[in-house]
Amino acid sequence: MERVGAARELVLGYVHALSVVDEAMRAAIPSLERLADVLGLVRSRRIISRSGHIGTYSYMVHGAGCLFVRDDGAEIDVDFAADGSEVFDLWRLRRYGLSLPEPVDITDDDLRSAVRSLQPLLTEVRPGWFSVAT
């Protein structure tokens, strides 16, 4: 049970970190209505570059998402669904845990159990991909 508890804390930490990134990015870029709009700013209007620094985060837009790195090295990697919602998988959760100042290595099985235990806070939007319920 302790492993699942640690996994739950890691998942909740990631969700919180993602929320803080969203607030920081929207404060730094007033035209940003939601975090997924970063993709549009990079791709169509070229308002921001594909990678750089905004506030206390560095960022790098990739494929369908963006990697944000906090000043303490923690990596918050997120993809965006077609509707603009923020989605993540177990790999992104593990990467976040391993990048923390005091790394936490949680198995995929424990992360899967933790994510399932956090429903309805989290929703499985497609197999293996999760989103914070709105």
Protein backbone atom coordinates (compact mmCIF):
# COMPACT_ATOMS: atom_id res chain seq x y z
CA MET A 1 0.00 0.00 0.00
CA GLU A 2 2.88 2.37 0.70
CA ARG A 3 4.05 2.14 -2.93
CA VAL A 4 0.61 3.06 -4.23
CA GLY A 5 0.48 5.93 -1.71
CA ALA A 6 3.82 7.23 -3.01
CA ALA A 7 2.54 6.83 -6.56
CA ARG A 8 -0.64 8.77 -5.70
CA GLU A 9 1.46 11.59 -4.23
CA LEU A 10 3.58 11.67 -7.37
CA VAL A 11 0.50 11.84 -9.63
CA LEU A 12 -1.05 14.57 -7.49
CA GLY A 13 2.28 16.43 -7.53
CA TYR A 14 2.36 16.27 -11.33
CA VAL A 15 -1.25 17.52 -11.58
CA HIS A 16 -0.42 20.40 -9.23
CA ALA A 17 2.79 21.23 -11.14
CA LEU A 18 0.82 21.27 -14.39
CA SER A 19 -1.70 23.67 -12.86
CA VAL A 20 1.12 25.97 -11.69
CA VAL A 21 2.69 25.91 -15.18
CA ASP A 22 -0.67 26.84 -16.67
CA GLU A 23 -1.05 29.80 -14.30
CA ALA A 24 2.53 30.98 -14.88
CA MET A 25 2.26 30.79 -18.66
CA ARG A 26 -1.10 32.58 -18.76
CA ALA A 27 0.29 35.31 -16.48
CA ALA A 28 3.35 35.74 -18.73
CA ILE A 29 1.38 35.66 -22.00
CA PRO A 30 -1.95 37.46 -21.50
CA SER A 31 -3.32 36.27 -24.88
CA LEU A 32 -3.03 32.63 -23.69
CA GLU A 33 -6.51 31.39 -22.82
CA ARG A 34 -5.36 27.84 -22.06
CA LEU A 35 -2.04 26.07 -22.01
CA ALA A 36 -2.67 24.30 -25.34
CA ASP A 37 -2.65 27.72 -27.04
CA VAL A 38 1.15 27.61 -26.76
CA LEU A 39 1.12 25.29 -29.79
CA GLY A 40 -0.78 27.82 -31.87
CA LEU A 41 1.51 30.66 -30.82
CA VAL A 42 4.50 28.67 -32.00
CA ARG A 43 3.03 27.13 -35.15
CA SER A 44 0.84 29.72 -36.79
CA ARG A 45 1.52 33.19 -35.51
CA ARG A 46 5.16 32.68 -34.53
CA ILE A 47 4.61 34.84 -31.45
CA ILE A 48 6.95 32.68 -29.39
CA SER A 49 9.78 30.42 -30.49
CA ARG A 50 9.64 26.61 -30.33
CA SER A 51 11.78 26.71 -27.19
CA GLY A 52 12.80 29.35 -24.70
CA HIS A 53 12.12 30.76 -21.26
CA ILE A 54 8.91 32.24 -19.93
CA GLY A 55 8.84 33.29 -16.31
CA THR A 56 10.61 30.68 -14.19
CA TYR A 57 10.15 27.91 -16.78
CA SER A 58 12.01 26.85 -19.84
CA TYR A 59 9.85 25.19 -22.45
CA MET A 60 10.16 23.19 -25.64
CA VAL A 61 7.20 22.56 -27.92
CA HIS A 62 7.21 19.06 -29.43
CA GLY A 63 4.75 17.14 -31.57
CA ALA A 64 1.39 17.44 -29.84
CA GLY A 65 2.65 18.95 -26.62
CA CYS A 66 5.22 20.83 -24.63
CA LEU A 67 7.93 20.06 -22.11
CA PHE A 68 8.19 22.60 -19.29
CA VAL A 69 11.20 22.54 -16.98
CA ARG A 70 11.00 24.27 -13.62
CA ASP A 71 14.00 26.13 -12.26
CA ASP A 72 14.64 23.18 -9.91
CA GLY A 73 14.90 20.81 -12.90
CA ALA A 74 11.49 19.16 -12.54
CA GLU A 75 10.08 18.23 -15.95
CA ILE A 76 6.38 18.66 -16.62
CA ASP A 77 5.75 17.15 -20.05
CA VAL A 78 2.21 17.32 -21.42
CA ASP A 79 0.44 16.62 -24.68
CA PHE A 80 -2.73 18.29 -25.84
CA ALA A 81 -5.79 16.49 -27.18
CA ALA A 82 -7.62 17.76 -30.27
CA ASP A 83 -9.99 19.73 -28.01
CA GLY A 84 -7.04 21.43 -26.27
CA SER A 85 -7.27 19.47 -23.04
CA GLU A 86 -4.06 18.53 -21.29
CA VAL A 87 -3.28 14.80 -21.45
CA PHE A 88 -0.47 12.69 -20.04
CA ASP A 89 0.58 9.09 -19.83
CA LEU A 90 2.51 6.93 -17.38
CA TRP A 91 5.82 7.71 -19.12
CA ARG A 92 5.33 11.44 -18.49
CA LEU A 93 4.47 10.76 -14.84
CA ARG A 94 7.62 8.62 -14.40
CA ARG A 95 9.74 11.26 -16.13
CA TYR A 96 8.37 13.91 -13.76
CA GLY A 97 9.18 11.74 -10.73
CA LEU A 98 12.72 11.01 -11.90
CA SER A 99 13.39 14.71 -12.59
CA LEU A 100 12.43 15.93 -9.12
CA PRO A 101 15.22 17.36 -6.92
CA GLU A 102 14.80 14.19 -4.83
CA PRO A 103 13.99 11.67 -7.60
CA VAL A 104 11.11 9.28 -7.10
CA ASP A 105 11.09 6.09 -9.18
CA ILE A 106 7.62 4.58 -9.37
CA THR A 107 6.74 1.54 -11.47
CA ASP A 108 4.17 1.78 -14.24
CA ASP A 109 1.96 -0.71 -12.38
CA ASP A 110 1.96 1.45 -9.24
CA LEU A 111 1.32 4.58 -11.30
CA ARG A 112 -1.55 2.86 -13.12
CA SER A 113 -3.09 1.85 -9.77
CA ALA A 114 -2.63 5.37 -8.43
CA VAL A 115 -4.26 6.99 -11.47
CA ARG A 116 -7.21 4.61 -11.27
CA SER A 117 -7.58 5.32 -7.55
CA LEU A 118 -7.78 9.04 -8.34
CA GLN A 119 -10.86 8.76 -10.51
CA PRO A 120 -13.05 10.82 -10.89
CA LEU A 121 -10.35 13.52 -10.42
CA LEU A 122 -8.57 11.96 -13.40
CA THR A 123 -10.21 10.56 -16.50
CA GLU A 124 -8.75 8.02 -18.91
CA VAL A 125 -9.38 9.80 -22.21
CA ARG A 126 -7.97 6.97 -24.34
CA PRO A 127 -6.13 3.80 -23.35
CA GLY A 128 -3.13 4.80 -21.25
CA TRP A 129 -3.73 8.55 -21.50
CA PHE A 130 -5.23 10.64 -18.72
CA SER A 131 -6.61 14.09 -18.16
CA VAL A 132 -7.74 16.07 -15.16
CA ALA A 133 -11.54 16.01 -15.10
CA THR A 134 -13.15 19.39 -15.66
